[in-house]
Amino acid sequence: MVRSLRSQSHIVVADARPNDYRDLALLAGEYGWHVHFLTNGRAAIQFARPSCADLWMVNVRLPEMSGFDLLEILRERAAGTPVFVVGDHYNPEDERRACRHGAALYLCKDATRSIDCKPLLDLLMTDPRVDPLSVPVVSQVDA
């Protein structure tokens, strides 16, 4: 389950392309959320600890390691914190792997290589009892 984020929440993004999250960071700031960007797996592992984040967003492909490998490490080091797995483009096998590895949600960047913030913010603002798997998929397939 994804907890709804409140003011002063921390979102950690592990992605080699932090500019892809520019719109998310701007909107998050309006809600008083803090977004931390880590551009490789090693930095993410060093940052990971209990209560360091309210939400992790991990790209499938990171320098130095797979996003799925990082997801496994986060399951141990930041247990209970939801992790969204992000693909640069939609891949059904990545979606299945994300589900098997315990990701709270799989989403992908749109054709402009950015995160579509509106559905993501709608999800984050929902009642914390809402199962994210019941929410429509937050992804667009590249044309």
Protein backbone atom coordinates (compact mmCIF):
# COMPACT_ATOMS: atom_id res chain seq x y z
CA MET A 1 0.00 0.00 0.00
CA VAL A 2 1.10 3.52 -0.72
CA ARG A 3 0.78 5.96 2.11
CA SER A 4 -0.61 9.32 1.10
CA LEU A 5 2.04 11.98 1.33
CA ARG A 6 1.64 14.94 3.65
CA SER A 7 3.58 18.16 3.99
CA GLN A 8 7.27 17.55 4.71
CA SER A 9 7.28 14.15 3.01
CA HIS A 10 10.46 12.98 1.30
CA ILE A 11 10.53 11.41 -2.15
CA VAL A 12 13.81 9.81 -3.24
CA VAL A 13 14.40 9.42 -6.97
CA ALA A 14 17.15 7.07 -8.14
CA ASP A 15 17.63 7.76 -11.84
CA ALA A 16 20.59 8.76 -14.02
CA ARG A 17 18.33 11.39 -15.64
CA PRO A 18 17.02 13.62 -12.82
CA ASN A 19 15.84 16.26 -15.30
CA ASP A 20 13.11 13.83 -16.35
CA TYR A 21 11.50 14.56 -12.96
CA ARG A 22 11.63 18.35 -13.20
CA ASP A 23 7.84 18.75 -13.28
CA LEU A 24 7.42 16.35 -10.39
CA ALA A 25 9.96 18.26 -8.31
CA LEU A 26 8.23 21.58 -9.01
CA LEU A 27 4.80 20.25 -8.06
CA ALA A 28 6.16 18.42 -5.04
CA GLY A 29 7.66 21.68 -3.80
CA GLU A 30 4.24 23.32 -3.96
CA TYR A 31 2.96 20.65 -1.55
CA GLY A 32 5.93 21.06 0.77
CA TRP A 33 7.45 17.74 -0.24
CA HIS A 34 11.19 17.32 -0.57
CA VAL A 35 12.60 15.46 -3.58
CA HIS A 36 16.10 13.98 -3.35
CA PHE A 37 17.88 12.90 -6.54
CA LEU A 38 20.46 10.12 -6.65
CA THR A 39 21.98 9.38 -10.05
CA ASN A 40 23.43 5.92 -9.48
CA GLY A 41 22.92 2.76 -7.50
CA ARG A 42 25.88 3.29 -5.19
CA ALA A 43 24.56 6.69 -4.00
CA ALA A 44 21.11 5.19 -3.49
CA ILE A 45 22.49 2.35 -1.35
CA GLN A 46 24.45 4.83 0.79
CA PHE A 47 21.32 6.99 1.22
CA ALA A 48 18.98 4.08 2.02
CA ARG A 49 18.07 3.64 5.67
CA PRO A 50 14.86 3.28 7.62
CA SER A 51 12.72 6.42 7.64
CA CYS A 52 14.87 8.32 5.12
CA ALA A 53 12.00 8.51 2.64
CA ASP A 54 8.24 8.25 2.37
CA LEU A 55 8.50 7.05 -1.23
CA TRP A 56 11.27 5.74 -3.47
CA MET A 57 11.15 6.01 -7.28
CA VAL A 58 13.77 3.73 -8.85
CA ASN A 59 14.63 3.56 -12.55
CA VAL A 60 14.90 0.07 -14.00
CA ARG A 61 18.28 0.93 -15.52
CA LEU A 62 20.77 2.61 -13.23
CA PRO A 63 24.50 3.08 -13.66
CA GLU A 64 26.35 0.39 -11.71
CA MET A 65 23.34 -1.82 -11.00
CA SER A 66 19.84 -2.81 -12.01
CA GLY A 67 16.91 -0.97 -10.49
CA PHE A 68 15.58 -4.39 -9.51
CA ASP A 69 18.77 -5.09 -7.56
CA LEU A 70 18.30 -1.77 -5.77
CA LEU A 71 14.67 -2.66 -5.07
CA GLU A 72 15.83 -5.83 -3.31
CA ILE A 73 18.28 -3.84 -1.17
CA LEU A 74 15.58 -1.29 -0.32
CA ARG A 75 13.28 -4.10 0.82
CA GLU A 76 15.89 -4.80 3.52
CA ARG A 77 17.21 -1.34 4.35
CA ALA A 78 14.01 0.68 4.05
CA ALA A 79 11.41 -1.98 4.79
CA GLY A 80 7.86 -0.72 4.64
CA THR A 81 8.65 2.24 2.38
CA PRO A 82 6.83 2.00 -0.95
CA VAL A 83 8.98 1.79 -4.07
CA PHE A 84 7.78 2.78 -7.53
CA VAL A 85 9.76 1.20 -10.36
CA VAL A 86 10.18 3.53 -13.36
CA GLY A 87 10.91 2.45 -16.90
CA ASP A 88 12.27 4.76 -19.60
CA HIS A 89 9.68 3.14 -21.87
CA TYR A 90 6.99 0.55 -21.28
CA ASN A 91 8.24 -3.02 -21.11
CA PRO A 92 5.82 -5.77 -20.04
CA GLU A 93 8.63 -7.93 -18.66
CA ASP A 94 9.85 -5.03 -16.49
CA GLU A 95 6.30 -4.57 -15.23
CA ARG A 96 6.06 -8.26 -14.30
CA ARG A 97 9.48 -8.15 -12.59
CA ALA A 98 8.48 -5.05 -10.63
CA CYS A 99 5.39 -6.85 -9.37
CA ARG A 100 7.36 -10.01 -8.50
CA HIS A 101 9.97 -7.97 -6.61
CA GLY A 102 7.36 -6.19 -4.50
CA ALA A 103 7.21 -2.75 -6.10
CA ALA A 104 4.19 -0.70 -5.06
CA LEU A 105 3.73 0.48 -8.65
CA TYR A 106 5.32 0.26 -12.09
CA LEU A 107 5.21 3.38 -14.22
CA CYS A 108 7.08 4.66 -17.21
CA LYS A 109 8.14 7.92 -18.73
CA ASP A 110 6.10 9.35 -21.57
CA ALA A 111 7.36 10.10 -25.07
CA THR A 112 9.06 13.27 -23.80
CA ARG A 113 11.00 11.14 -21.27
CA SER A 114 9.35 12.80 -18.32
CA ILE A 115 7.03 11.56 -15.61
CA ASP A 116 3.36 12.38 -16.15
CA CYS A 117 2.79 14.16 -12.84
CA LYS A 118 -0.99 14.50 -12.76
CA PRO A 119 -1.89 10.79 -12.34
CA LEU A 120 1.06 10.31 -10.01
CA LEU A 121 -0.01 13.19 -7.77
CA ASP A 122 -3.59 11.93 -7.82
CA LEU A 123 -2.32 8.58 -6.59
CA LEU A 124 -0.14 10.11 -3.89
CA MET A 125 -3.00 12.26 -2.61
CA THR A 126 -5.46 9.36 -2.34
CA ASP A 127 -6.65 7.77 0.83
CA PRO A 128 -3.74 5.70 2.19
CA ARG A 129 -5.98 2.64 2.29
CA VAL A 130 -6.24 2.63 -1.51
CA ASP A 131 -4.42 -0.28 -3.09
CA PRO A 132 -2.22 1.21 -5.84
CA LEU A 133 -2.83 -1.85 -8.01
CA SER A 134 -6.48 -0.82 -8.27
CA VAL A 135 -5.54 2.61 -9.68
CA PRO A 136 -5.28 2.92 -13.48
CA VAL A 137 -1.76 2.37 -14.80
CA VAL A 138 0.33 5.52 -14.62
CA SER A 139 2.19 5.04 -17.86
CA GLN A 140 2.12 5.81 -21.52
CA VAL A 141 3.59 3.66 -24.24
CA ASP A 142 6.12 5.47 -26.44
CA ALA A 143 4.83 5.97 -29.95
